[in-house]
Amino acid sequence: MSSTYRINTTWDGRPVNHDPVTITVGPVDANGQVIIRVTGPYFNDPGVPANSTVGQPYMGLWDYEVAEAFFLNDRNQYLEVELSPHGLHLLLLLKGQRDSFKDQLPIQYTSNVINGGATWVGVAHVPAHYFPPKVTKFNAYAIHGSGAGRTYEALYPVPTGKYTDPDFHKLDYFQHMDFRHLLPDNWSPHYTSPEWDPIIAVG
């Protein structure tokens, strides 16, 4: 099972002027990890982050060219997955809006630039226990460009004209996703996670 999402608008609801970045969530691989696949136009702007290592987490990846997927539950607990065309990734766990408690989690991730440099493809395998229990909502974003040309795009944007600056943590604008059928264990009353169990215990 998989679901494909196309990012057709900017963060505030205006149409993008290029082929959309596409994010596919699922299926689940043989190791029980959720496959997240990104395909999109390759801008190479900004370029490769300094002092980065392919396949490793990179703090501050949101300042570069990146696609992001957010998985939210009804308690405002969420997983943020950031994937770069340069083989870098960043995963953060948040126990409330912008309230990160763990970051730079390891995953298996590869990316390639194809079609003569016009397109990039990234494939991540995300362990099931990174997701907060009972995921119900989703949003996805794409960012590229430098300076005045910095462009922020959203699957589910905020209303045009309501805000002056992009903010990817406007959780009220996330929309429903059927995560239960993709990963039934995430909805099990016996779901356990070494990352989330301590947070749930004190919640």
Protein backbone atom coordinates (compact mmCIF):
# COMPACT_ATOMS: atom_id res chain seq x y z
CA MET A 1 0.00 0.00 0.00
CA SER A 2 1.26 3.49 -0.83
CA SER A 3 -0.06 7.03 -1.23
CA THR A 4 1.38 9.64 -3.58
CA TYR A 5 1.21 13.37 -2.93
CA ARG A 6 2.06 16.17 -5.36
CA ILE A 7 3.10 19.56 -4.06
CA ASN A 8 1.36 21.92 -6.46
CA THR A 9 1.28 25.12 -4.41
CA THR A 10 3.51 27.48 -2.50
CA TRP A 11 3.25 27.65 1.28
CA ASP A 12 0.47 30.26 0.93
CA GLY A 13 -1.56 28.58 -1.80
CA ARG A 14 -0.18 29.99 -5.05
CA PRO A 15 0.51 27.62 -7.99
CA VAL A 16 4.11 26.49 -8.42
CA ASN A 17 5.79 27.37 -11.73
CA HIS A 18 7.51 24.01 -12.32
CA ASP A 19 6.76 20.29 -12.26
CA PRO A 20 5.63 19.41 -8.74
CA VAL A 21 7.73 17.63 -6.18
CA THR A 22 6.11 14.24 -5.58
CA ILE A 23 6.27 12.33 -2.30
CA THR A 24 5.14 8.71 -2.05
CA VAL A 25 4.60 7.18 1.39
CA GLY A 26 4.69 3.38 1.45
CA PRO A 27 4.81 0.54 1.00
CA VAL A 28 6.43 -1.07 4.02
CA ASP A 29 9.63 -2.97 3.25
CA ALA A 30 10.59 -6.49 4.35
CA ASN A 31 12.11 -5.08 7.55
CA GLY A 32 8.92 -3.27 8.54
CA GLN A 33 10.25 0.14 7.57
CA VAL A 34 8.13 2.71 5.75
CA ILE A 35 9.52 3.63 2.33
CA ILE A 36 9.34 7.33 1.50
CA ARG A 37 10.19 8.26 -2.08
CA VAL A 38 10.72 11.78 -3.39
CA THR A 39 10.85 12.78 -7.06
CA GLY A 40 11.18 16.36 -8.17
CA PRO A 41 12.95 18.94 -10.32
CA TYR A 42 16.59 19.43 -9.36
CA PHE A 43 17.50 23.07 -8.84
CA ASN A 44 20.92 22.59 -7.18
CA ASP A 45 20.22 25.85 -5.35
CA PRO A 46 21.62 26.09 -2.78
CA GLY A 47 24.33 23.55 -3.58
CA VAL A 48 25.78 20.81 -1.39
CA PRO A 49 25.88 21.80 2.29
CA ALA A 50 29.36 22.41 3.64
CA ASN A 51 30.96 19.74 5.83
CA SER A 52 28.29 17.19 4.96
CA THR A 53 28.62 13.44 4.44
CA VAL A 54 26.41 11.51 2.03
CA GLY A 55 24.06 9.17 3.86
CA GLN A 56 24.37 11.00 7.17
CA PRO A 57 22.04 13.38 9.04
CA TYR A 58 22.67 17.10 8.56
CA MET A 59 21.40 19.59 11.11
CA GLY A 60 20.03 22.69 9.40
CA LEU A 61 19.11 20.83 6.23
CA TRP A 62 15.98 23.02 6.02
CA ASP A 63 18.25 25.86 4.85
CA TYR A 64 19.08 23.98 1.64
CA GLU A 65 17.20 22.26 -1.19
CA VAL A 66 14.98 19.73 0.54
CA ALA A 67 11.68 17.87 0.60
CA GLU A 68 9.94 17.32 3.92
CA ALA A 69 7.20 15.00 5.18
CA PHE A 70 5.45 15.48 8.54
CA PHE A 71 3.47 12.73 10.30
CA LEU A 72 1.17 14.01 13.07
CA ASN A 73 -1.15 12.42 15.62
CA ASP A 74 -4.08 13.93 17.54
CA ARG A 75 -1.83 14.82 20.49
CA ASN A 76 0.34 17.10 18.33
CA GLN A 77 3.20 14.61 18.42
CA TYR A 78 4.95 14.29 15.10
CA LEU A 79 7.82 13.00 13.04
CA GLU A 80 9.54 15.34 10.60
CA VAL A 81 11.47 13.71 7.74
CA GLU A 82 13.74 15.91 5.61
CA LEU A 83 15.35 14.50 2.45
CA SER A 84 17.91 16.18 0.22
CA PRO A 85 18.96 15.60 -3.39
CA HIS A 86 22.54 15.51 -2.11
CA GLY A 87 22.12 12.27 -0.15
CA LEU A 88 21.56 13.96 3.20
CA HIS A 89 18.65 13.57 5.59
CA LEU A 90 17.36 14.89 8.88
CA LEU A 91 14.71 13.33 11.12
CA LEU A 92 13.26 15.09 14.13
CA LEU A 93 10.75 13.92 16.75
CA LEU A 94 8.52 16.60 18.25
CA LYS A 95 6.24 16.23 21.28
CA GLY A 96 4.36 19.45 20.57
CA GLN A 97 4.40 22.29 18.09
CA ARG A 98 8.09 23.04 17.36
CA ASP A 99 9.00 21.13 20.56
CA SER A 100 11.74 18.79 19.34
CA PHE A 101 13.13 16.23 21.77
CA LYS A 102 15.25 14.09 19.45
CA ASP A 103 16.96 14.70 16.11
CA GLN A 104 19.48 13.35 13.61
CA LEU A 105 18.02 9.84 13.81
CA PRO A 106 19.73 7.33 11.50
CA ILE A 107 17.97 5.91 8.44
CA GLN A 108 18.83 4.17 5.21
CA TYR A 109 18.67 6.86 2.52
CA THR A 110 19.92 7.21 -1.05
CA SER A 111 19.41 9.87 -3.70
CA ASN A 112 20.29 10.28 -7.36
CA VAL A 113 20.16 13.09 -9.91
CA ILE A 114 18.77 11.80 -13.21
CA ASN A 115 17.48 13.01 -16.59
CA GLY A 116 20.65 14.90 -17.37
CA GLY A 117 20.53 16.80 -14.10
CA ALA A 118 16.89 17.84 -14.40
CA THR A 119 15.37 15.55 -11.77
CA TRP A 120 16.29 14.07 -8.42
CA VAL A 121 15.00 10.95 -6.73
CA GLY A 122 15.41 10.07 -3.06
CA VAL A 123 14.40 6.87 -1.29
CA ALA A 124 14.30 6.59 2.50
CA HIS A 125 13.50 3.61 4.70
CA VAL A 126 12.09 4.93 7.98
CA PRO A 127 11.84 2.57 10.99
CA ALA A 128 8.28 2.10 12.20
CA HIS A 129 9.14 3.04 15.78
CA TYR A 130 10.13 6.57 14.73
CA PHE A 131 6.47 7.41 14.08
CA PRO A 132 4.36 8.68 16.99
CA PRO A 133 1.47 6.40 17.94
CA LYS A 134 -1.76 6.64 15.94
CA VAL A 135 -0.69 8.94 13.13
CA THR A 136 -3.77 10.67 11.70
CA LYS A 137 -2.55 13.66 9.68
CA PHE A 138 0.10 14.59 7.16
CA ASN A 139 1.69 17.48 5.36
CA ALA A 140 4.59 17.75 2.95
CA TYR A 141 6.82 20.58 1.81
CA ALA A 142 9.57 21.42 -0.66
CA ILE A 143 12.14 24.20 -0.49
CA HIS A 144 14.72 25.49 -2.96
CA GLY A 145 16.44 28.70 -4.02
CA SER A 146 18.68 31.29 -2.41
CA GLY A 147 18.20 34.80 -1.12
CA ALA A 148 15.23 36.59 -2.62
CA GLY A 149 14.62 33.53 -4.81
CA ARG A 150 14.04 31.23 -1.84
CA THR A 151 10.83 29.30 -2.54
CA TYR A 152 8.68 27.46 0.02
CA GLU A 153 6.03 25.02 -1.21
CA ALA A 154 3.35 23.05 0.64
CA LEU A 155 1.03 20.16 -0.06
CA TYR A 156 -1.59 21.67 2.24
CA PRO A 157 -0.90 25.41 2.30
CA VAL A 158 -2.15 28.08 4.66
CA PRO A 159 -4.83 30.43 3.25
CA THR A 160 -3.49 33.00 0.80
CA GLY A 161 -2.94 36.33 2.52
CA LYS A 162 -3.43 35.09 6.08
CA TYR A 163 0.26 34.96 7.05
CA THR A 164 3.31 36.93 5.98
CA ASP A 165 5.99 34.27 6.46
CA PRO A 166 6.18 30.51 5.80
CA ASP A 167 5.87 28.28 8.82
CA PHE A 168 5.80 24.52 8.27
CA HIS A 169 4.58 23.88 11.82
CA LYS A 170 1.06 25.25 11.35
CA LEU A 171 -0.43 21.96 12.49
CA ASP A 172 -4.05 23.08 12.09
CA TYR A 173 -3.63 22.92 8.29
CA PHE A 174 -2.44 19.32 8.16
CA GLN A 175 -4.94 16.92 6.61
CA HIS A 176 -6.07 13.35 7.20
CA MET A 177 -4.02 10.39 6.06
CA ASP A 178 -4.88 6.71 6.31
CA PHE A 179 -1.75 5.64 8.16
CA ARG A 180 -3.55 2.86 10.02
CA HIS A 181 -3.84 0.73 6.88
CA LEU A 182 -0.25 1.40 5.86
CA LEU A 183 1.21 0.48 9.25
CA PRO A 184 -1.41 -1.30 11.41
CA ASP A 185 1.02 -1.78 14.31
CA ASN A 186 1.18 2.01 14.70
CA TRP A 187 -2.46 1.88 15.83
CA SER A 188 -2.13 -1.21 18.01
CA PRO A 189 -2.78 -0.77 21.76
CA HIS A 190 0.48 -2.68 22.19
CA TYR A 191 2.53 -0.27 20.05
CA THR A 192 5.93 0.34 21.59
CA SER A 193 8.76 2.65 20.59
CA PRO A 194 12.05 3.32 22.39
CA GLU A 195 11.78 6.92 21.20
CA TRP A 196 8.14 7.61 22.01
CA ASP A 197 7.44 5.41 25.04
CA PRO A 198 9.11 7.82 27.53
CA ILE A 199 7.15 10.74 26.06
CA ILE A 200 3.85 8.87 26.20
CA ALA A 201 4.52 7.74 29.77
CA VAL A 202 4.77 11.31 31.07
CA GLY A 203 2.02 12.66 28.80
